[in-house]
């Protein structure tokens, strides 16, 4: 297995706590990691609470899908260059 496939990229989103949220909480955060253990990239979502409407969820899902595809493409390109 290539060490490139173990690379993880991540980012964290933050938003104000929603009106039905947690007592004394001010911020909601969502960390998204793109990981690859050798079988292809996948997303890992970490949060205590993240409120979103359907349109926001679709936008988030689209962004995650692009990140997974970009990760796979970057690994493939790097492996081609290493073999050359």
PDB file of N, CA and C in Angstrom:
ATOM      1  N   UNK A   1       0.843  -1.186   0.000  1.00  0.00           N
ATOM      2  CA  UNK A   1       0.000   0.000   0.000  1.00  0.00           C
ATOM      3  C   UNK A   1       0.882   1.241   0.000  1.00  0.00           C
ATOM      4  N   UNK A   2       0.537   2.159  -0.815  1.00  0.00           N
ATOM      5  CA  UNK A   2       1.270   3.417  -0.898  1.00  0.00           C
ATOM      6  C   UNK A   2       1.008   4.271   0.333  1.00  0.00           C
ATOM      7  N   UNK A   3       2.052   4.943   0.814  1.00  0.00           N
ATOM      8  CA  UNK A   3       1.869   5.880   1.926  1.00  0.00           C
ATOM      9  C   UNK A   3       0.973   7.037   1.530  1.00  0.00           C
ATOM     10  N   UNK A   4       0.890   7.318   0.225  1.00  0.00           N
ATOM     11  CA  UNK A   4       0.030   8.410  -0.232  1.00  0.00           C
ATOM     12  C   UNK A   4      -1.424   8.146   0.116  1.00  0.00           C
ATOM     13  N   UNK A   5      -1.811   6.884   0.131  1.00  0.00           N
ATOM     14  CA  UNK A   5      -3.208   6.547   0.390  1.00  0.00           C
ATOM     15  C   UNK A   5      -3.597   6.766   1.851  1.00  0.00           C
ATOM     16  N   UNK A   6      -2.639   6.949   2.715  1.00  0.00           N
ATOM     17  CA  UNK A   6      -2.941   7.168   4.122  1.00  0.00           C
ATOM     18  C   UNK A   6      -3.116   8.647   4.450  1.00  0.00           C
ATOM     19  N   UNK A   7      -2.891   9.483   3.468  1.00  0.00           N
ATOM     20  CA  UNK A   7      -3.009  10.927   3.679  1.00  0.00           C
ATOM     21  C   UNK A   7      -4.431  11.287   4.089  1.00  0.00           C
ATOM     22  N   UNK A   8      -4.528  12.190   5.007  1.00  0.00           N
ATOM     23  CA  UNK A   8      -5.840  12.677   5.445  1.00  0.00           C
ATOM     24  C   UNK A   8      -5.851  14.189   5.293  1.00  0.00           C
ATOM     25  N   UNK A   9      -6.910  14.709   4.694  1.00  0.00           N
ATOM     26  CA  UNK A   9      -7.112  16.143   4.677  1.00  0.00           C
ATOM     27  C   UNK A   9      -8.364  16.424   5.491  1.00  0.00           C
ATOM     28  N   UNK A  10      -8.407  17.560   6.124  1.00  0.00           N
ATOM     29  CA  UNK A  10      -9.580  17.874   6.943  1.00  0.00           C
ATOM     30  C   UNK A  10      -9.809  19.374   6.984  1.00  0.00           C
ATOM     31  N   UNK A  11     -11.036  19.715   7.286  1.00  0.00           N
ATOM     32  CA  UNK A  11     -11.383  21.102   7.513  1.00  0.00           C
ATOM     33  C   UNK A  11     -12.526  21.148   8.516  1.00  0.00           C
ATOM     34  N   UNK A  12     -12.661  22.286   9.178  1.00  0.00           N
ATOM     35  CA  UNK A  12     -13.694  22.466  10.197  1.00  0.00           C
ATOM     36  C   UNK A  12     -14.556  23.662   9.834  1.00  0.00           C
ATOM     37  N   UNK A  13     -15.861  23.445   9.875  1.00  0.00           N
ATOM     38  CA  UNK A  13     -16.835  24.510   9.648  1.00  0.00           C
ATOM     39  C   UNK A  13     -17.411  24.915  11.001  1.00  0.00           C
ATOM     40  N   UNK A  14     -17.758  26.174  11.136  1.00  0.00           N
ATOM     41  CA  UNK A  14     -18.394  26.652  12.366  1.00  0.00           C
ATOM     42  C   UNK A  14     -19.591  27.521  12.021  1.00  0.00           C
ATOM     43  N   UNK A  15     -20.599  27.466  12.881  1.00  0.00           N
ATOM     44  CA  UNK A  15     -21.771  28.321  12.741  1.00  0.00           C
ATOM     45  C   UNK A  15     -22.332  28.591  14.134  1.00  0.00           C
ATOM     46  N   UNK A  16     -23.158  29.635  14.234  1.00  0.00           N
ATOM     47  CA  UNK A  16     -23.808  29.946  15.507  1.00  0.00           C
ATOM     48  C   UNK A  16     -24.721  28.801  15.911  1.00  0.00           C
ATOM     49  N   UNK A  17     -24.867  28.614  17.210  1.00  0.00           N
ATOM     50  CA  UNK A  17     -25.792  27.603  17.731  1.00  0.00           C
ATOM     51  C   UNK A  17     -27.210  27.933  17.269  1.00  0.00           C
ATOM     52  N   UNK A  18     -27.962  26.924  16.887  1.00  0.00           N
ATOM     53  CA  UNK A  18     -29.334  27.157  16.435  1.00  0.00           C
ATOM     54  C   UNK A  18     -30.258  27.382  17.634  1.00  0.00           C
ATOM     55  N   UNK A  19     -31.465  27.889  17.380  1.00  0.00           N
ATOM     56  CA  UNK A  19     -32.382  28.269  18.459  1.00  0.00           C
ATOM     57  C   UNK A  19     -32.860  27.074  19.289  1.00  0.00           C
ATOM     58  N   UNK A  20     -32.805  25.881  18.749  1.00  0.00           N
ATOM     59  CA  UNK A  20     -33.206  24.671  19.485  1.00  0.00           C
ATOM     60  C   UNK A  20     -31.993  23.900  19.983  1.00  0.00           C
ATOM     61  N   UNK A  21     -30.858  24.539  19.974  1.00  0.00           N
ATOM     62  CA  UNK A  21     -29.591  23.883  20.286  1.00  0.00           C
ATOM     63  C   UNK A  21     -29.340  23.664  21.763  1.00  0.00           C
ATOM     64  N   UNK A  22     -28.086  23.493  22.070  1.00  0.00           N
ATOM     65  CA  UNK A  22     -27.644  23.156  23.420  1.00  0.00           C
ATOM     66  C   UNK A  22     -27.620  24.393  24.317  1.00  0.00           C
ATOM     67  N   UNK A  23     -27.940  24.209  25.577  1.00  0.00           N
ATOM     68  CA  UNK A  23     -27.910  25.293  26.557  1.00  0.00           C
ATOM     69  C   UNK A  23     -26.465  25.749  26.743  1.00  0.00           C
ATOM     70  N   UNK A  24     -26.267  27.048  26.762  1.00  0.00           N
ATOM     71  CA  UNK A  24     -24.960  27.677  26.969  1.00  0.00           C
ATOM     72  C   UNK A  24     -23.964  27.425  25.835  1.00  0.00           C
ATOM     73  N   UNK A  25     -24.380  26.854  24.750  1.00  0.00           N
ATOM     74  CA  UNK A  25     -23.486  26.670  23.605  1.00  0.00           C
ATOM     75  C   UNK A  25     -23.630  27.865  22.672  1.00  0.00           C
ATOM     76  N   UNK A  26     -22.533  28.319  22.134  1.00  0.00           N
ATOM     77  CA  UNK A  26     -22.536  29.481  21.256  1.00  0.00           C
ATOM     78  C   UNK A  26     -22.248  29.084  19.813  1.00  0.00           C
ATOM     79  N   UNK A  27     -21.368  28.111  19.639  1.00  0.00           N
ATOM     80  CA  UNK A  27     -20.898  27.719  18.306  1.00  0.00           C
ATOM     81  C   UNK A  27     -21.119  26.220  18.084  1.00  0.00           C
ATOM     82  N   UNK A  28     -21.508  25.877  16.866  1.00  0.00           N
ATOM     83  CA  UNK A  28     -21.536  24.485  16.431  1.00  0.00           C
ATOM     84  C   UNK A  28     -20.357  24.296  15.483  1.00  0.00           C
ATOM     85  N   UNK A  29     -19.692  23.182  15.598  1.00  0.00           N
ATOM     86  CA  UNK A  29     -18.596  22.918  14.669  1.00  0.00           C
ATOM     87  C   UNK A  29     -18.755  21.535  14.054  1.00  0.00           C
ATOM     88  N   UNK A  30     -18.306  21.430  12.816  1.00  0.00           N
ATOM     89  CA  UNK A  30     -18.362  20.184  12.064  1.00  0.00           C
ATOM     90  C   UNK A  30     -16.999  20.005  11.423  1.00  0.00           C
ATOM     91  N   UNK A  31     -16.313  18.923  11.786  1.00  0.00           N
ATOM     92  CA  UNK A  31     -15.028  18.604  11.188  1.00  0.00           C
ATOM     93  C   UNK A  31     -15.247  17.507  10.158  1.00  0.00           C
ATOM     94  N   UNK A  32     -14.708  17.732   8.969  1.00  0.00           N
ATOM     95  CA  UNK A  32     -14.827  16.777   7.880  1.00  0.00           C
ATOM     96  C   UNK A  32     -13.417  16.332   7.521  1.00  0.00           C
ATOM     97  N   UNK A  33     -13.175  15.025   7.598  1.00  0.00           N
ATOM     98  CA  UNK A  33     -11.885  14.468   7.226  1.00  0.00           C
ATOM     99  C   UNK A  33     -12.070  13.617   5.978  1.00  0.00           C
ATOM    100  N   UNK A  34     -11.166  13.736   5.059  1.00  0.00           N
ATOM    101  CA  UNK A  34     -11.125  12.861   3.901  1.00  0.00           C
ATOM    102  C   UNK A  34      -9.966  11.904   4.161  1.00  0.00           C
ATOM    103  N   UNK A  35     -10.287  10.634   4.315  1.00  0.00           N
ATOM    104  CA  UNK A  35      -9.301   9.613   4.657  1.00  0.00           C
ATOM    105  C   UNK A  35      -9.256   8.557   3.564  1.00  0.00           C
ATOM    106  N   UNK A  36      -8.159   7.809   3.552  1.00  0.00           N
ATOM    107  CA  UNK A  36      -8.009   6.738   2.570  1.00  0.00           C
ATOM    108  C   UNK A  36      -7.093   5.683   3.168  1.00  0.00           C
ATOM    109  N   UNK A  37      -7.651   4.535   3.482  1.00  0.00           N
ATOM    110  CA  UNK A  37      -6.871   3.440   4.042  1.00  0.00           C
ATOM    111  C   UNK A  37      -6.355   2.487   2.988  1.00  0.00           C
ATOM    112  N   UNK A  38      -6.504   2.843   1.716  1.00  0.00           N
ATOM    113  CA  UNK A  38      -6.006   2.006   0.647  1.00  0.00           C
ATOM    114  C   UNK A  38      -7.085   1.541  -0.308  1.00  0.00           C
ATOM    115  N   UNK A  39      -8.335   1.643   0.083  1.00  0.00           N
ATOM    116  CA  UNK A  39      -9.423   1.189  -0.771  1.00  0.00           C
ATOM    117  C   UNK A  39     -10.180   2.316  -1.444  1.00  0.00           C
ATOM    118  N   UNK A  40      -9.684   3.517  -1.318  1.00  0.00           N
ATOM    119  CA  UNK A  40     -10.359   4.676  -1.881  1.00  0.00           C
ATOM    120  C   UNK A  40     -10.738   5.657  -0.787  1.00  0.00           C
ATOM    121  N   UNK A  41     -10.842   6.889  -1.166  1.00  0.00           N
ATOM    122  CA  UNK A  41     -11.131   7.946  -0.192  1.00  0.00           C
ATOM    123  C   UNK A  41     -12.574   7.873   0.289  1.00  0.00           C
ATOM    124  N   UNK A  42     -12.777   8.318   1.517  1.00  0.00           N
ATOM    125  CA  UNK A  42     -14.108   8.402   2.111  1.00  0.00           C
ATOM    126  C   UNK A  42     -14.114   9.553   3.111  1.00  0.00           C
ATOM    127  N   UNK A  43     -15.301   9.995   3.492  1.00  0.00           N
ATOM    128  CA  UNK A  43     -15.440  11.126   4.409  1.00  0.00           C
ATOM    129  C   UNK A  43     -15.792  10.645   5.806  1.00  0.00           C
ATOM    130  N   UNK A  44     -15.218  11.324   6.803  1.00  0.00           N
ATOM    131  CA  UNK A  44     -15.540  11.091   8.208  1.00  0.00           C
ATOM    132  C   UNK A  44     -16.034  12.422   8.760  1.00  0.00           C
ATOM    133  N   UNK A  45     -17.251  12.443   9.301  1.00  0.00           N
ATOM    134  CA  UNK A  45     -17.825  13.665   9.857  1.00  0.00           C
ATOM    135  C   UNK A  45     -17.830  13.563  11.370  1.00  0.00           C
ATOM    136  N   UNK A  46     -17.357  14.624  12.037  1.00  0.00           N
ATOM    137  CA  UNK A  46     -17.294  14.653  13.496  1.00  0.00           C
ATOM    138  C   UNK A  46     -17.970  15.923  14.001  1.00  0.00           C
ATOM    139  N   UNK A  47     -18.956  15.751  14.888  1.00  0.00           N
ATOM    140  CA  UNK A  47     -19.648  16.907  15.456  1.00  0.00           C
ATOM    141  C   UNK A  47     -20.433  16.484  16.689  1.00  0.00           C
ATOM    142  N   UNK A  48     -20.656  17.426  17.588  1.00  0.00           N
ATOM    143  CA  UNK A  48     -21.598  17.217  18.686  1.00  0.00           C
ATOM    144  C   UNK A  48     -22.994  17.609  18.238  1.00  0.00           C
ATOM    145  N   UNK A  49     -23.050  18.626  17.376  1.00  0.00           N
ATOM    146  CA  UNK A  49     -24.328  19.085  16.841  1.00  0.00           C
ATOM    147  C   UNK A  49     -24.047  19.965  15.628  1.00  0.00           C
ATOM    148  N   UNK A  50     -24.802  19.741  14.551  1.00  0.00           N
ATOM    149  CA  UNK A  50     -24.718  20.577  13.355  1.00  0.00           C
ATOM    150  C   UNK A  50     -26.111  20.656  12.761  1.00  0.00           C
ATOM    151  N   UNK A  51     -26.744  21.808  12.867  1.00  0.00           N
ATOM    152  CA  UNK A  51     -28.098  22.002  12.345  1.00  0.00           C
ATOM    153  C   UNK A  51     -28.005  22.504  10.905  1.00  0.00           C
ATOM    154  N   UNK A  52     -28.801  21.887  10.016  1.00  0.00           N
ATOM    155  CA  UNK A  52     -28.768  22.281   8.606  1.00  0.00           C
ATOM    156  C   UNK A  52     -30.109  21.961   7.959  1.00  0.00           C
ATOM    157  N   UNK A  53     -30.512  22.809   7.018  1.00  0.00           N
ATOM    158  CA  UNK A  53     -31.722  22.520   6.261  1.00  0.00           C
ATOM    159  C   UNK A  53     -31.343  21.657   5.041  1.00  0.00           C
ATOM    160  N   UNK A  54     -32.313  21.110   4.324  1.00  0.00           N
ATOM    161  CA  UNK A  54     -32.002  20.218   3.201  1.00  0.00           C
ATOM    162  C   UNK A  54     -31.096  20.831   2.135  1.00  0.00           C
ATOM    163  N   UNK A  55     -31.287  22.106   1.806  1.00  0.00           N
ATOM    164  CA  UNK A  55     -30.431  22.744   0.805  1.00  0.00           C
ATOM    165  C   UNK A  55     -28.977  22.813   1.282  1.00  0.00           C
ATOM    166  N   UNK A  56     -28.786  23.136   2.551  1.00  0.00           N
ATOM    167  CA  UNK A  56     -27.433  23.185   3.109  1.00  0.00           C
ATOM    168  C   UNK A  56     -26.800  21.792   3.110  1.00  0.00           C
ATOM    169  N   UNK A  57     -27.593  20.775   3.405  1.00  0.00           N
ATOM    170  CA  UNK A  57     -27.070  19.409   3.400  1.00  0.00           C
ATOM    171  C   UNK A  57     -26.638  18.978   1.998  1.00  0.00           C
ATOM    172  N   UNK A  58     -27.430  19.338   0.990  1.00  0.00           N
ATOM    173  CA  UNK A  58     -27.055  19.012  -0.401  1.00  0.00           C
ATOM    174  C   UNK A  58     -25.756  19.712  -0.787  1.00  0.00           C
ATOM    175  N   UNK A  59     -25.629  20.973  -0.419  1.00  0.00           N
ATOM    176  CA  UNK A  59     -24.413  21.733  -0.719  1.00  0.00           C
ATOM    177  C   UNK A  59     -23.211  21.105  -0.024  1.00  0.00           C
ATOM    178  N   UNK A  60     -23.379  20.724   1.230  1.00  0.00           N
ATOM    179  CA  UNK A  60     -22.307  20.080   1.984  1.00  0.00           C
ATOM    180  C   UNK A  60     -21.937  18.733   1.360  1.00  0.00           C
ATOM    181  N   UNK A  61     -22.941  17.942   0.998  1.00  0.00           N
ATOM    182  CA  UNK A  61     -22.687  16.643   0.374  1.00  0.00           C
ATOM    183  C   UNK A  61     -21.938  16.814  -0.946  1.00  0.00           C
ATOM    184  N   UNK A  62     -22.305  17.808  -1.735  1.00  0.00           N
ATOM    185  CA  UNK A  62     -21.610  18.074  -2.999  1.00  0.00           C
ATOM    186  C   UNK A  62     -20.146  18.442  -2.752  1.00  0.00           C
ATOM    187  N   UNK A  63     -19.903  19.273  -1.740  1.00  0.00           N
ATOM    188  CA  UNK A  63     -18.533  19.679  -1.419  1.00  0.00           C
ATOM    189  C   UNK A  63     -17.703  18.482  -0.948  1.00  0.00           C
ATOM    190  N   UNK A  64     -18.302  17.621  -0.149  1.00  0.00           N
ATOM    191  CA  UNK A  64     -17.601  16.419   0.325  1.00  0.00           C
ATOM    192  C   UNK A  64     -17.298  15.493  -0.853  1.00  0.00           C
ATOM    193  N   UNK A  65     -18.260  15.324  -1.735  1.00  0.00           N
ATOM    194  CA  UNK A  65     -18.041  14.463  -2.904  1.00  0.00           C
ATOM    195  C   UNK A  65     -16.870  14.980  -3.748  1.00  0.00           C
ATOM    196  N   UNK A  66     -16.809  16.295  -3.959  1.00  0.00           N
ATOM    197  CA  UNK A  66     -15.700  16.874  -4.722  1.00  0.00           C
ATOM    198  C   UNK A  66     -14.371  16.635  -4.009  1.00  0.00           C
ATOM    199  N   UNK A  67     -14.351  16.781  -2.689  1.00  0.00           N
ATOM    200  CA  UNK A  67     -13.116  16.580  -1.926  1.00  0.00           C
ATOM    201  C   UNK A  67     -12.641  15.132  -2.024  1.00  0.00           C
ATOM    202  N   UNK A  68     -13.567  14.177  -1.960  1.00  0.00           N
ATOM    203  CA  UNK A  68     -13.201  12.760  -2.074  1.00  0.00           C
ATOM    204  C   UNK A  68     -12.635  12.486  -3.469  1.00  0.00           C
ATOM    205  N   UNK A  69     -13.311  12.972  -4.489  1.00  0.00           N
ATOM    206  CA  UNK A  69     -12.836  12.762  -5.862  1.00  0.00           C
ATOM    207  C   UNK A  69     -11.487  13.443  -6.083  1.00  0.00           C
ATOM    208  N   UNK A  70     -11.320  14.661  -5.564  1.00  0.00           N
ATOM    209  CA  UNK A  70     -10.047  15.370  -5.701  1.00  0.00           C
ATOM    210  C   UNK A  70      -8.925  14.596  -5.014  1.00  0.00           C
ATOM    211  N   UNK A  71      -9.221  14.018  -3.851  1.00  0.00           N
ATOM    212  CA  UNK A  71      -8.224  13.237  -3.118  1.00  0.00           C
ATOM    213  C   UNK A  71      -7.792  12.033  -3.947  1.00  0.00           C
ATOM    214  N   UNK A  72      -8.774  11.291  -4.462  1.00  0.00           N
ATOM    215  CA  UNK A  72      -8.451  10.114  -5.275  1.00  0.00           C
ATOM    216  C   UNK A  72      -7.625  10.503  -6.495  1.00  0.00           C
ATOM    217  N   UNK A  73      -7.995  11.583  -7.164  1.00  0.00           N
ATOM    218  CA  UNK A  73      -7.275  12.032  -8.350  1.00  0.00           C
ATOM    219  C   UNK A  73      -5.848  12.454  -7.991  1.00  0.00           C
ATOM    220  N   UNK A  74      -5.672  13.134  -6.873  1.00  0.00           N
ATOM    221  CA  UNK A  74      -4.340  13.571  -6.457  1.00  0.00           C
ATOM    222  C   UNK A  74      -3.445  12.378  -6.143  1.00  0.00           C
ATOM    223  N   UNK A  75      -3.986  11.364  -5.481  1.00  0.00           N
ATOM    224  CA  UNK A  75      -3.205  10.162  -5.163  1.00  0.00           C
ATOM    225  C   UNK A  75      -2.810   9.442  -6.452  1.00  0.00           C
ATOM    226  N   UNK A  76      -3.763   9.284  -7.358  1.00  0.00           N
ATOM    227  CA  UNK A  76      -3.469   8.614  -8.628  1.00  0.00           C
ATOM    228  C   UNK A  76      -2.380   9.351  -9.405  1.00  0.00           C
ATOM    229  N   UNK A  77      -2.453  10.659  -9.467  1.00  0.00           N
ATOM    230  CA  UNK A  77      -1.458  11.465 -10.194  1.00  0.00           C
ATOM    231  C   UNK A  77      -0.093  11.317  -9.540  1.00  0.00           C
ATOM    232  N   UNK A  78      -0.030  11.382  -8.222  1.00  0.00           N
ATOM    233  CA  UNK A  78       1.244  11.254  -7.519  1.00  0.00           C
ATOM    234  C   UNK A  78       1.858   9.871  -7.737  1.00  0.00           C
ATOM    235  N   UNK A  79       1.031   8.837  -7.706  1.00  0.00           N
ATOM    236  CA  UNK A  79       1.551   7.488  -7.920  1.00  0.00           C
ATOM    237  C   UNK A  79       2.085   7.325  -9.338  1.00  0.00           C
ATOM    238  N   UNK A  80       1.422   7.914 -10.334  1.00  0.00           N
ATOM    239  CA  UNK A  80       1.925   7.872 -11.711  1.00  0.00           C
ATOM    240  C   UNK A  80       3.296   8.539 -11.800  1.00  0.00           C
ATOM    241  N   UNK A  81       3.428   9.673 -11.153  1.00  0.00           N
ATOM    242  CA  UNK A  81       4.701  10.407 -11.201  1.00  0.00           C
ATOM    243  C   UNK A  81       5.814   9.627 -10.508  1.00  0.00           C
ATOM    244  N   UNK A  82       5.470   8.955  -9.411  1.00  0.00           N
ATOM    245  CA  UNK A  82       6.484   8.179  -8.686  1.00  0.00           C
ATOM    246  C   UNK A  82       6.953   6.972  -9.490  1.00  0.00           C
ATOM    247  N   UNK A  83       6.081   6.417 -10.312  1.00  0.00           N
ATOM    248  CA  UNK A  83       6.434   5.244 -11.125  1.00  0.00           C
ATOM    249  C   UNK A  83       7.224   5.629 -12.370  1.00  0.00           C
ATOM    250  N   UNK A  84       7.126   6.894 -12.775  1.00  0.00           N
ATOM    251  CA  UNK A  84       7.793   7.340 -14.013  1.00  0.00           C
ATOM    252  C   UNK A  84       9.286   7.474 -13.837  1.00  0.00           C
TER     253      UNK A  84
END
